[in-house]
Amino acid sequence: MKLPSFCQRASLWSALFTIWFVTLWLLSSRPGPGPQLEMVIPIDKVLHFGYFFGGAGLLSAALFLQRKKALHWSTIHLLVILALFAVGSLDEWHQSWYVFRSGNDAGDLTADIIGALCGTLLFRKLQPRVFPQ
């Protein structure tokens, strides 16, 4: 399952991560669906987990391809978790300024971090197949 050569560039994955971040910012700038829907369908945490899972995969790929063997996996994992913790914290603060948003929600931030951890760990498992050395 090796990807084409243009997918082997760290700049591509960095650009995709940047698009991921801008999309998150834009989504967080919209009013939420309202408290009534959230009580009926508690999918907010699943959405946070999934979105940060994907972001962690993109950032893991960018860091891996940027440094290849110069960074150990423990360093990549730490950088991804710290970066996405910062992004999640900023996102929660940002959401607090909009109607029907539950900004500064520790549960959302927890889902973000767990999603990021799972995303970077899965990328590590897939890396030998996707980006063989």
Protein backbone atom coordinates (compact mmCIF):
# COMPACT_ATOMS: atom_id res chain seq x y z
CA MET A 1 0.00 0.00 0.00
CA LYS A 2 2.86 2.40 -0.68
CA LEU A 3 1.68 5.90 -1.57
CA PRO A 4 2.81 7.73 -4.73
CA SER A 5 6.03 9.74 -4.52
CA PHE A 6 4.30 13.13 -4.22
CA CYS A 7 2.67 11.83 -1.02
CA GLN A 8 6.11 11.22 0.45
CA ARG A 9 6.67 14.95 1.04
CA ALA A 10 6.36 16.43 4.50
CA SER A 11 5.11 19.68 2.96
CA LEU A 12 1.98 17.94 1.65
CA TRP A 13 1.09 16.59 5.09
CA SER A 14 1.91 19.93 6.73
CA ALA A 15 -0.42 21.67 4.27
CA LEU A 16 -3.17 19.13 4.98
CA PHE A 17 -2.71 19.69 8.72
CA THR A 18 -2.98 23.45 8.16
CA ILE A 19 -6.23 22.91 6.22
CA TRP A 20 -7.41 20.69 9.09
CA PHE A 21 -6.69 23.50 11.58
CA VAL A 22 -8.38 26.22 9.49
CA THR A 23 -11.43 23.99 9.02
CA LEU A 24 -11.59 23.44 12.79
CA TRP A 25 -11.41 27.20 13.37
CA LEU A 26 -14.19 27.85 10.85
CA LEU A 27 -16.42 25.11 12.28
CA SER A 28 -15.89 26.47 15.78
CA SER A 29 -16.86 29.96 14.62
CA ARG A 30 -20.39 28.87 13.78
CA PRO A 31 -23.17 28.82 16.34
CA GLY A 32 -23.76 25.38 17.76
CA PRO A 33 -26.90 23.33 17.10
CA GLY A 34 -28.39 24.38 20.41
CA PRO A 35 -28.60 22.72 23.79
CA GLN A 36 -31.75 20.75 22.90
CA LEU A 37 -30.03 18.69 20.20
CA GLU A 38 -26.96 18.02 22.34
CA MET A 39 -29.11 16.47 25.07
CA VAL A 40 -30.88 14.21 22.57
CA ILE A 41 -27.79 13.18 20.58
CA PRO A 42 -24.61 13.25 22.72
CA ILE A 43 -22.24 12.80 19.77
CA ASP A 44 -20.12 15.84 20.57
CA LYS A 45 -17.35 13.81 22.23
CA VAL A 46 -17.28 11.30 19.37
CA LEU A 47 -16.90 14.15 16.87
CA HIS A 48 -14.08 15.70 18.92
CA PHE A 49 -12.33 12.32 19.17
CA GLY A 50 -12.65 11.64 15.44
CA TYR A 51 -11.54 15.07 14.29
CA PHE A 52 -8.44 15.09 16.50
CA PHE A 53 -7.72 11.47 15.55
CA GLY A 54 -7.44 12.63 11.93
CA GLY A 55 -5.41 15.70 12.82
CA ALA A 56 -2.96 13.57 14.77
CA GLY A 57 -2.46 11.30 11.77
CA LEU A 58 -1.74 14.27 9.51
CA LEU A 59 0.70 15.87 11.95
CA SER A 60 2.39 12.53 12.66
CA ALA A 61 2.96 12.01 8.94
CA ALA A 62 4.37 15.53 8.54
CA LEU A 63 6.77 15.09 11.46
CA PHE A 64 7.81 11.60 10.40
CA LEU A 65 8.58 12.65 6.83
CA GLN A 66 10.28 15.87 7.94
CA ARG A 67 12.85 14.13 10.09
CA LYS A 68 12.59 10.42 9.22
CA LYS A 69 15.12 8.78 11.54
CA ALA A 70 16.19 11.99 13.31
CA LEU A 71 13.08 11.91 15.53
CA HIS A 72 12.27 8.90 17.66
CA TRP A 73 8.65 7.82 17.82
CA SER A 74 8.39 8.88 21.45
CA THR A 75 9.34 12.42 20.39
CA ILE A 76 6.81 12.43 17.55
CA HIS A 77 4.08 11.20 19.90
CA LEU A 78 4.96 13.86 22.48
CA LEU A 79 5.04 16.67 19.90
CA VAL A 80 1.70 15.60 18.41
CA ILE A 81 0.01 15.34 21.81
CA LEU A 82 1.37 18.71 22.97
CA ALA A 83 0.46 20.45 19.70
CA LEU A 84 -3.05 19.04 19.65
CA PHE A 85 -3.53 19.81 23.35
CA ALA A 86 -2.69 23.42 22.51
CA VAL A 87 -5.03 23.38 19.49
CA GLY A 88 -7.81 21.77 21.54
CA SER A 89 -7.40 24.32 24.33
CA LEU A 90 -7.48 27.18 21.82
CA ASP A 91 -10.54 25.65 20.17
CA GLU A 92 -12.38 25.37 23.49
CA TRP A 93 -11.60 29.00 24.33
CA HIS A 94 -12.65 30.06 20.82
CA GLN A 95 -15.97 28.21 21.12
CA SER A 96 -16.77 30.02 24.36
CA TRP A 97 -17.42 33.21 22.37
CA TYR A 98 -20.28 31.75 20.29
CA VAL A 99 -23.96 31.16 21.00
CA PHE A 100 -24.94 27.60 21.91
CA ARG A 101 -21.30 26.50 22.16
CA SER A 102 -19.98 24.73 25.23
CA GLY A 103 -16.53 26.30 25.21
CA ASN A 104 -14.00 25.48 27.92
CA ASP A 105 -15.47 21.98 28.19
CA ALA A 106 -13.00 19.61 29.87
CA GLY A 107 -14.84 16.63 28.37
CA ASP A 108 -14.32 17.95 24.85
CA LEU A 109 -10.63 18.59 25.53
CA THR A 110 -10.27 15.08 26.96
CA ALA A 111 -11.88 13.61 23.82
CA ASP A 112 -9.48 15.73 21.72
CA ILE A 113 -6.42 14.40 23.55
CA ILE A 114 -7.58 10.77 23.50
CA GLY A 115 -8.31 11.11 19.77
CA ALA A 116 -4.86 12.62 19.20
CA LEU A 117 -3.17 9.84 21.16
CA CYS A 118 -5.03 7.12 19.26
CA GLY A 119 -4.38 8.85 15.92
CA THR A 120 -0.63 9.11 16.42
CA LEU A 121 -0.39 5.53 17.72
CA LEU A 122 -2.32 4.20 14.72
CA PHE A 123 -0.11 6.17 12.33
CA ARG A 124 2.94 4.56 13.94
CA LYS A 125 1.45 1.13 13.25
CA LEU A 126 0.57 2.02 9.64
CA GLN A 127 3.79 3.88 8.84
CA PRO A 128 5.81 0.85 7.65
CA ARG A 129 3.10 0.05 5.09
CA VAL A 130 2.35 3.61 3.99
CA PHE A 131 5.86 5.09 4.12
CA PRO A 132 8.28 2.16 3.83
CA GLN A 133 11.92 2.99 4.47
